[in-house]
């Protein structure tokens, strides 16, 4: 789904991911990797990606279907070392 949407928007999946994060909340500021000039240029692209509320909700619904494995919180990791 992400790759198809990215192709329709003439964007990379990474750009769609950044646009999704920017759409979430005003106080969320993604910090993408910028090891090369190409990555810096790619990371500027999400500002031009129009992400509607409907498409945002669709991406959220797709992400909610993904089963997460492993520890993901500081509390879970702290239990490992207690």
PDB file of N, CA and C in Angstrom:
ATOM      1  N   UNK A   1       0.820  -1.179   0.000  1.00  0.00           N
ATOM      2  CA  UNK A   1       0.000   0.000   0.000  1.00  0.00           C
ATOM      3  C   UNK A   1       0.874   1.256   0.000  1.00  0.00           C
ATOM      4  N   UNK A   2       1.889   1.293   0.836  1.00  0.00           N
ATOM      5  CA  UNK A   2       2.749   2.476   0.927  1.00  0.00           C
ATOM      6  C   UNK A   2       3.491   2.712  -0.385  1.00  0.00           C
ATOM      7  N   UNK A   3       4.013   1.639  -0.977  1.00  0.00           N
ATOM      8  CA  UNK A   3       4.750   1.776  -2.234  1.00  0.00           C
ATOM      9  C   UNK A   3       3.834   2.261  -3.362  1.00  0.00           C
ATOM     10  N   UNK A   4       2.612   1.735  -3.407  1.00  0.00           N
ATOM     11  CA  UNK A   4       1.654   2.146  -4.432  1.00  0.00           C
ATOM     12  C   UNK A   4       1.300   3.616  -4.271  1.00  0.00           C
ATOM     13  N   UNK A   5       1.013   4.020  -3.044  1.00  0.00           N
ATOM     14  CA  UNK A   5       0.680   5.420  -2.780  1.00  0.00           C
ATOM     15  C   UNK A   5       1.860   6.328  -3.123  1.00  0.00           C
ATOM     16  N   UNK A   6       3.065   5.895  -2.768  1.00  0.00           N
ATOM     17  CA  UNK A   6       4.257   6.685  -3.067  1.00  0.00           C
ATOM     18  C   UNK A   6       4.419   6.868  -4.573  1.00  0.00           C
ATOM     19  N   UNK A   7       4.198   5.803  -5.330  1.00  0.00           N
ATOM     20  CA  UNK A   7       4.312   5.902  -6.788  1.00  0.00           C
ATOM     21  C   UNK A   7       3.288   6.884  -7.339  1.00  0.00           C
ATOM     22  N   UNK A   8       2.045   6.843  -6.822  1.00  0.00           N
ATOM     23  CA  UNK A   8       1.004   7.757  -7.288  1.00  0.00           C
ATOM     24  C   UNK A   8       1.364   9.211  -6.981  1.00  0.00           C
ATOM     25  N   UNK A   9       2.062   9.438  -5.895  1.00  0.00           N
ATOM     26  CA  UNK A   9       2.445  10.786  -5.473  1.00  0.00           C
ATOM     27  C   UNK A   9       3.810  11.204  -6.036  1.00  0.00           C
ATOM     28  N   UNK A  10       4.426  10.301  -6.816  1.00  0.00           N
ATOM     29  CA  UNK A  10       5.762  10.565  -7.344  1.00  0.00           C
ATOM     30  C   UNK A  10       6.727  10.884  -6.207  1.00  0.00           C
ATOM     31  N   UNK A  11       6.666  10.061  -5.178  1.00  0.00           N
ATOM     32  CA  UNK A  11       7.492  10.234  -3.980  1.00  0.00           C
ATOM     33  C   UNK A  11       8.072   8.878  -3.595  1.00  0.00           C
ATOM     34  N   UNK A  12       9.050   8.891  -2.726  1.00  0.00           N
ATOM     35  CA  UNK A  12       9.608   7.641  -2.212  1.00  0.00           C
ATOM     36  C   UNK A  12       8.799   7.209  -0.989  1.00  0.00           C
ATOM     37  N   UNK A  13       8.838   5.906  -0.636  1.00  0.00           N
ATOM     38  CA  UNK A  13       8.174   5.476   0.589  1.00  0.00           C
ATOM     39  C   UNK A  13       8.675   6.241   1.828  1.00  0.00           C
ATOM     40  N   UNK A  14       9.958   6.573   1.842  1.00  0.00           N
ATOM     41  CA  UNK A  14      10.502   7.352   2.972  1.00  0.00           C
ATOM     42  C   UNK A  14       9.861   8.734   3.041  1.00  0.00           C
ATOM     43  N   UNK A  15       9.623   9.345   1.888  1.00  0.00           N
ATOM     44  CA  UNK A  15       8.975  10.655   1.869  1.00  0.00           C
ATOM     45  C   UNK A  15       7.531  10.561   2.354  1.00  0.00           C
ATOM     46  N   UNK A  16       6.834   9.498   1.981  1.00  0.00           N
ATOM     47  CA  UNK A  16       5.461   9.305   2.448  1.00  0.00           C
ATOM     48  C   UNK A  16       5.463   9.087   3.960  1.00  0.00           C
ATOM     49  N   UNK A  17       6.434   8.332   4.456  1.00  0.00           N
ATOM     50  CA  UNK A  17       6.549   8.102   5.896  1.00  0.00           C
ATOM     51  C   UNK A  17       6.758   9.418   6.643  1.00  0.00           C
ATOM     52  N   UNK A  18       7.625  10.268   6.121  1.00  0.00           N
ATOM     53  CA  UNK A  18       7.859  11.561   6.758  1.00  0.00           C
ATOM     54  C   UNK A  18       6.617  12.450   6.669  1.00  0.00           C
ATOM     55  N   UNK A  19       5.932  12.430   5.530  1.00  0.00           N
ATOM     56  CA  UNK A  19       4.698  13.217   5.385  1.00  0.00           C
ATOM     57  C   UNK A  19       3.645  12.730   6.377  1.00  0.00           C
ATOM     58  N   UNK A  20       3.565  11.411   6.588  1.00  0.00           N
ATOM     59  CA  UNK A  20       2.625  10.833   7.548  1.00  0.00           C
ATOM     60  C   UNK A  20       2.957  11.331   8.961  1.00  0.00           C
ATOM     61  N   UNK A  21       4.244  11.327   9.321  1.00  0.00           N
ATOM     62  CA  UNK A  21       4.623  11.796  10.649  1.00  0.00           C
ATOM     63  C   UNK A  21       4.317  13.282  10.821  1.00  0.00           C
ATOM     64  N   UNK A  22       4.563  14.069   9.782  1.00  0.00           N
ATOM     65  CA  UNK A  22       4.275  15.502   9.849  1.00  0.00           C
ATOM     66  C   UNK A  22       2.776  15.767   9.973  1.00  0.00           C
ATOM     67  N   UNK A  23       1.955  14.862   9.446  1.00  0.00           N
ATOM     68  CA  UNK A  23       0.502  15.032   9.478  1.00  0.00           C
ATOM     69  C   UNK A  23      -0.092  14.663  10.842  1.00  0.00           C
ATOM     70  N   UNK A  24       0.629  13.830  11.606  1.00  0.00           N
ATOM     71  CA  UNK A  24       0.096  13.315  12.871  1.00  0.00           C
ATOM     72  C   UNK A  24      -0.291  14.423  13.851  1.00  0.00           C
ATOM     73  N   UNK A  25       0.636  15.204  14.247  1.00  0.00           N
ATOM     74  CA  UNK A  25       0.429  16.267  15.247  1.00  0.00           C
ATOM     75  C   UNK A  25       1.379  17.414  14.948  1.00  0.00           C
ATOM     76  N   UNK A  26       0.991  18.615  15.330  1.00  0.00           N
ATOM     77  CA  UNK A  26       1.847  19.781  15.094  1.00  0.00           C
ATOM     78  C   UNK A  26       3.155  19.725  15.880  1.00  0.00           C
ATOM     79  N   UNK A  27       3.145  19.023  17.010  1.00  0.00           N
ATOM     80  CA  UNK A  27       4.332  19.010  17.855  1.00  0.00           C
ATOM     81  C   UNK A  27       5.302  17.875  17.518  1.00  0.00           C
ATOM     82  N   UNK A  28       4.968  17.034  16.539  1.00  0.00           N
ATOM     83  CA  UNK A  28       5.867  15.948  16.141  1.00  0.00           C
ATOM     84  C   UNK A  28       6.818  16.468  15.077  1.00  0.00           C
ATOM     85  N   UNK A  29       8.107  16.288  15.336  1.00  0.00           N
ATOM     86  CA  UNK A  29       9.128  16.728  14.391  1.00  0.00           C
ATOM     87  C   UNK A  29      10.025  15.524  14.088  1.00  0.00           C
ATOM     88  N   UNK A  30       9.833  14.890  12.928  1.00  0.00           N
ATOM     89  CA  UNK A  30      10.692  13.763  12.590  1.00  0.00           C
ATOM     90  C   UNK A  30      12.127  14.222  12.347  1.00  0.00           C
ATOM     91  N   UNK A  31      13.060  13.371  12.698  1.00  0.00           N
ATOM     92  CA  UNK A  31      14.473  13.678  12.474  1.00  0.00           C
ATOM     93  C   UNK A  31      15.032  12.578  11.566  1.00  0.00           C
ATOM     94  N   UNK A  32      14.958  12.802  10.259  1.00  0.00           N
ATOM     95  CA  UNK A  32      15.425  11.771   9.330  1.00  0.00           C
ATOM     96  C   UNK A  32      16.947  11.766   9.219  1.00  0.00           C
ATOM     97  N   UNK A  33      17.471  10.637   8.758  1.00  0.00           N
ATOM     98  CA  UNK A  33      18.905  10.531   8.522  1.00  0.00           C
ATOM     99  C   UNK A  33      19.338  11.397   7.354  1.00  0.00           C
ATOM    100  N   UNK A  34      20.527  11.966   7.470  1.00  0.00           N
ATOM    101  CA  UNK A  34      21.021  12.860   6.415  1.00  0.00           C
ATOM    102  C   UNK A  34      22.511  12.652   6.195  1.00  0.00           C
ATOM    103  N   UNK A  35      22.883  11.431   5.862  1.00  0.00           N
ATOM    104  CA  UNK A  35      24.304  11.132   5.690  1.00  0.00           C
ATOM    105  C   UNK A  35      24.852  11.544   4.335  1.00  0.00           C
ATOM    106  N   UNK A  36      23.954  11.834   3.396  1.00  0.00           N
ATOM    107  CA  UNK A  36      24.446  12.196   2.072  1.00  0.00           C
ATOM    108  C   UNK A  36      23.592  13.326   1.501  1.00  0.00           C
ATOM    109  N   UNK A  37      24.127  14.047   0.532  1.00  0.00           N
ATOM    110  CA  UNK A  37      23.337  15.109  -0.102  1.00  0.00           C
ATOM    111  C   UNK A  37      22.042  14.572  -0.724  1.00  0.00           C
ATOM    112  N   UNK A  38      22.082  13.341  -1.233  1.00  0.00           N
ATOM    113  CA  UNK A  38      20.889  12.744  -1.822  1.00  0.00           C
ATOM    114  C   UNK A  38      19.792  12.555  -0.778  1.00  0.00           C
ATOM    115  N   UNK A  39      20.153  12.113   0.422  1.00  0.00           N
ATOM    116  CA  UNK A  39      19.177  11.918   1.501  1.00  0.00           C
ATOM    117  C   UNK A  39      18.607  13.256   1.962  1.00  0.00           C
ATOM    118  N   UNK A  40      19.450  14.264   2.036  1.00  0.00           N
ATOM    119  CA  UNK A  40      18.967  15.595   2.428  1.00  0.00           C
ATOM    120  C   UNK A  40      17.925  16.065   1.421  1.00  0.00           C
ATOM    121  N   UNK A  41      18.224  15.906   0.134  1.00  0.00           N
ATOM    122  CA  UNK A  41      17.289  16.317  -0.911  1.00  0.00           C
ATOM    123  C   UNK A  41      15.994  15.514  -0.818  1.00  0.00           C
ATOM    124  N   UNK A  42      16.110  14.202  -0.601  1.00  0.00           N
ATOM    125  CA  UNK A  42      14.918  13.353  -0.472  1.00  0.00           C
ATOM    126  C   UNK A  42      14.081  13.766   0.731  1.00  0.00           C
ATOM    127  N   UNK A  43      14.726  14.114   1.825  1.00  0.00           N
ATOM    128  CA  UNK A  43      14.021  14.471   3.055  1.00  0.00           C
ATOM    129  C   UNK A  43      13.306  15.817   2.972  1.00  0.00           C
ATOM    130  N   UNK A  44      13.622  16.611   1.971  1.00  0.00           N
ATOM    131  CA  UNK A  44      12.898  17.866   1.757  1.00  0.00           C
ATOM    132  C   UNK A  44      11.575  17.634   1.023  1.00  0.00           C
ATOM    133  N   UNK A  45      11.459  16.510   0.332  1.00  0.00           N
ATOM    134  CA  UNK A  45      10.292  16.204  -0.485  1.00  0.00           C
ATOM    135  C   UNK A  45       8.964  16.118   0.240  1.00  0.00           C
ATOM    136  N   UNK A  46       8.895  15.604   1.461  1.00  0.00           N
ATOM    137  CA  UNK A  46       7.598  15.473   2.135  1.00  0.00           C
ATOM    138  C   UNK A  46       6.841  16.783   2.305  1.00  0.00           C
ATOM    139  N   UNK A  47       7.528  17.891   2.287  1.00  0.00           N
ATOM    140  CA  UNK A  47       6.834  19.179   2.393  1.00  0.00           C
ATOM    141  C   UNK A  47       5.919  19.404   1.197  1.00  0.00           C
ATOM    142  N   UNK A  48       6.216  18.741   0.072  1.00  0.00           N
ATOM    143  CA  UNK A  48       5.413  18.886  -1.143  1.00  0.00           C
ATOM    144  C   UNK A  48       4.371  17.782  -1.307  1.00  0.00           C
ATOM    145  N   UNK A  49       4.359  16.803  -0.404  1.00  0.00           N
ATOM    146  CA  UNK A  49       3.411  15.695  -0.502  1.00  0.00           C
ATOM    147  C   UNK A  49       2.093  16.107   0.148  1.00  0.00           C
ATOM    148  N   UNK A  50       1.021  16.093  -0.640  1.00  0.00           N
ATOM    149  CA  UNK A  50      -0.301  16.402  -0.089  1.00  0.00           C
ATOM    150  C   UNK A  50      -0.882  15.114   0.490  1.00  0.00           C
ATOM    151  N   UNK A  51      -1.051  15.108   1.793  1.00  0.00           N
ATOM    152  CA  UNK A  51      -1.595  13.943   2.491  1.00  0.00           C
ATOM    153  C   UNK A  51      -2.941  14.346   3.078  1.00  0.00           C
ATOM    154  N   UNK A  52      -4.010  13.849   2.468  1.00  0.00           N
ATOM    155  CA  UNK A  52      -5.348  14.194   2.944  1.00  0.00           C
ATOM    156  C   UNK A  52      -5.637  13.482   4.260  1.00  0.00           C
ATOM    157  N   UNK A  53      -6.626  13.961   4.977  1.00  0.00           N
ATOM    158  CA  UNK A  53      -7.036  13.295   6.214  1.00  0.00           C
ATOM    159  C   UNK A  53      -7.474  11.868   5.934  1.00  0.00           C
ATOM    160  N   UNK A  54      -8.165  11.647   4.816  1.00  0.00           N
ATOM    161  CA  UNK A  54      -8.635  10.298   4.464  1.00  0.00           C
ATOM    162  C   UNK A  54      -7.455   9.365   4.213  1.00  0.00           C
ATOM    163  N   UNK A  55      -6.457   9.835   3.482  1.00  0.00           N
ATOM    164  CA  UNK A  55      -5.286   8.992   3.205  1.00  0.00           C
ATOM    165  C   UNK A  55      -4.498   8.756   4.486  1.00  0.00           C
ATOM    166  N   UNK A  56      -4.413   9.777   5.337  1.00  0.00           N
ATOM    167  CA  UNK A  56      -3.747   9.615   6.636  1.00  0.00           C
ATOM    168  C   UNK A  56      -4.437   8.515   7.435  1.00  0.00           C
ATOM    169  N   UNK A  57      -5.771   8.545   7.486  1.00  0.00           N
ATOM    170  CA  UNK A  57      -6.513   7.514   8.230  1.00  0.00           C
ATOM    171  C   UNK A  57      -6.303   6.134   7.621  1.00  0.00           C
ATOM    172  N   UNK A  58      -6.205   6.060   6.296  1.00  0.00           N
ATOM    173  CA  UNK A  58      -5.954   4.779   5.643  1.00  0.00           C
ATOM    174  C   UNK A  58      -4.581   4.235   6.034  1.00  0.00           C
ATOM    175  N   UNK A  59      -3.576   5.089   6.032  1.00  0.00           N
ATOM    176  CA  UNK A  59      -2.235   4.660   6.442  1.00  0.00           C
ATOM    177  C   UNK A  59      -2.251   4.210   7.902  1.00  0.00           C
ATOM    178  N   UNK A  60      -2.922   4.975   8.755  1.00  0.00           N
ATOM    179  CA  UNK A  60      -3.035   4.599  10.172  1.00  0.00           C
ATOM    180  C   UNK A  60      -3.695   3.226  10.326  1.00  0.00           C
ATOM    181  N   UNK A  61      -4.752   2.966   9.574  1.00  0.00           N
ATOM    182  CA  UNK A  61      -5.468   1.683   9.645  1.00  0.00           C
ATOM    183  C   UNK A  61      -4.565   0.539   9.196  1.00  0.00           C
ATOM    184  N   UNK A  62      -3.806   0.763   8.140  1.00  0.00           N
ATOM    185  CA  UNK A  62      -2.879  -0.269   7.660  1.00  0.00           C
ATOM    186  C   UNK A  62      -1.789  -0.539   8.699  1.00  0.00           C
ATOM    187  N   UNK A  63      -1.270   0.513   9.316  1.00  0.00           N
ATOM    188  CA  UNK A  63      -0.241   0.335  10.335  1.00  0.00           C
ATOM    189  C   UNK A  63      -0.774  -0.396  11.560  1.00  0.00           C
ATOM    190  N   UNK A  64      -2.027  -0.156  11.911  1.00  0.00           N
ATOM    191  CA  UNK A  64      -2.627  -0.798  13.078  1.00  0.00           C
ATOM    192  C   UNK A  64      -2.753  -2.310  12.889  1.00  0.00           C
ATOM    193  N   UNK A  65      -2.758  -2.748  11.644  1.00  0.00           N
ATOM    194  CA  UNK A  65      -2.871  -4.192  11.359  1.00  0.00           C
ATOM    195  C   UNK A  65      -1.546  -4.928  11.506  1.00  0.00           C
ATOM    196  N   UNK A  66      -0.444  -4.192  11.624  1.00  0.00           N
ATOM    197  CA  UNK A  66       0.877  -4.804  11.735  1.00  0.00           C
ATOM    198  C   UNK A  66       1.099  -5.265  13.167  1.00  0.00           C
ATOM    199  N   UNK A  67       1.475  -6.521  13.323  1.00  0.00           N
ATOM    200  CA  UNK A  67       1.757  -7.048  14.661  1.00  0.00           C
ATOM    201  C   UNK A  67       3.199  -6.723  15.033  1.00  0.00           C
ATOM    202  N   UNK A  68       3.358  -6.046  16.167  1.00  0.00           N
ATOM    203  CA  UNK A  68       4.680  -5.649  16.655  1.00  0.00           C
ATOM    204  C   UNK A  68       5.200  -6.742  17.587  1.00  0.00           C
ATOM    205  N   UNK A  69       6.459  -7.107  17.415  1.00  0.00           N
ATOM    206  CA  UNK A  69       7.099  -8.118  18.249  1.00  0.00           C
ATOM    207  C   UNK A  69       8.250  -7.492  19.018  1.00  0.00           C
ATOM    208  N   UNK A  70       8.459  -7.937  20.233  1.00  0.00           N
ATOM    209  CA  UNK A  70       9.606  -7.481  21.005  1.00  0.00           C
ATOM    210  C   UNK A  70       9.279  -6.301  21.899  1.00  0.00           C
ATOM    211  N   UNK A  71      10.245  -5.939  22.708  1.00  0.00           N
ATOM    212  CA  UNK A  71      10.087  -4.836  23.651  1.00  0.00           C
ATOM    213  C   UNK A  71      10.167  -3.508  22.923  1.00  0.00           C
ATOM    214  N   UNK A  72       9.233  -2.618  23.233  1.00  0.00           N
ATOM    215  CA  UNK A  72       9.194  -1.337  22.556  1.00  0.00           C
ATOM    216  C   UNK A  72       9.148  -0.147  23.505  1.00  0.00           C
ATOM    217  N   UNK A  73       9.167  -0.389  24.794  1.00  0.00           N
ATOM    218  CA  UNK A  73       9.084   0.723  25.741  1.00  0.00           C
ATOM    219  C   UNK A  73      10.245   0.661  26.723  1.00  0.00           C
ATOM    220  N   UNK A  74      10.567   1.794  27.294  1.00  0.00           N
ATOM    221  CA  UNK A  74      11.626   1.838  28.299  1.00  0.00           C
ATOM    222  C   UNK A  74      11.294   0.930  29.477  1.00  0.00           C
ATOM    223  N   UNK A  75       9.998   0.860  29.846  1.00  0.00           N
ATOM    224  CA  UNK A  75       9.583   0.038  30.975  1.00  0.00           C
ATOM    225  C   UNK A  75       9.874  -1.439  30.699  1.00  0.00           C
ATOM    226  N   UNK A  76       9.569  -1.896  29.475  1.00  0.00           N
ATOM    227  CA  UNK A  76       9.825  -3.284  29.121  1.00  0.00           C
ATOM    228  C   UNK A  76      11.312  -3.599  29.150  1.00  0.00           C
ATOM    229  N   UNK A  77      12.112  -2.680  28.648  1.00  0.00           N
ATOM    230  CA  UNK A  77      13.561  -2.888  28.632  1.00  0.00           C
ATOM    231  C   UNK A  77      14.104  -2.872  30.038  1.00  0.00           C
ATOM    232  N   UNK A  78      13.598  -1.976  30.896  1.00  0.00           N
ATOM    233  CA  UNK A  78      14.058  -1.917  32.286  1.00  0.00           C
ATOM    234  C   UNK A  78      13.775  -3.236  33.014  1.00  0.00           C
ATOM    235  N   UNK A  79      12.659  -3.893  32.702  1.00  0.00           N
ATOM    236  CA  UNK A  79      12.328  -5.184  33.336  1.00  0.00           C
ATOM    237  C   UNK A  79      13.376  -6.237  33.013  1.00  0.00           C
ATOM    238  N   UNK A  80      13.970  -6.145  31.842  1.00  0.00           N
ATOM    239  CA  UNK A  80      14.996  -7.114  31.441  1.00  0.00           C
ATOM    240  C   UNK A  80      16.226  -7.018  32.328  1.00  0.00           C
ATOM    241  N   UNK A  81      16.509  -5.825  32.857  1.00  0.00           N
ATOM    242  CA  UNK A  81      17.723  -5.601  33.629  1.00  0.00           C
ATOM    243  C   UNK A  81      17.465  -5.477  35.138  1.00  0.00           C
ATOM    244  N   UNK A  82      16.226  -5.677  35.542  1.00  0.00           N
ATOM    245  CA  UNK A  82      15.885  -5.557  36.965  1.00  0.00           C
ATOM    246  C   UNK A  82      16.293  -6.792  37.734  1.00  0.00           C
TER     247      UNK A  82
END
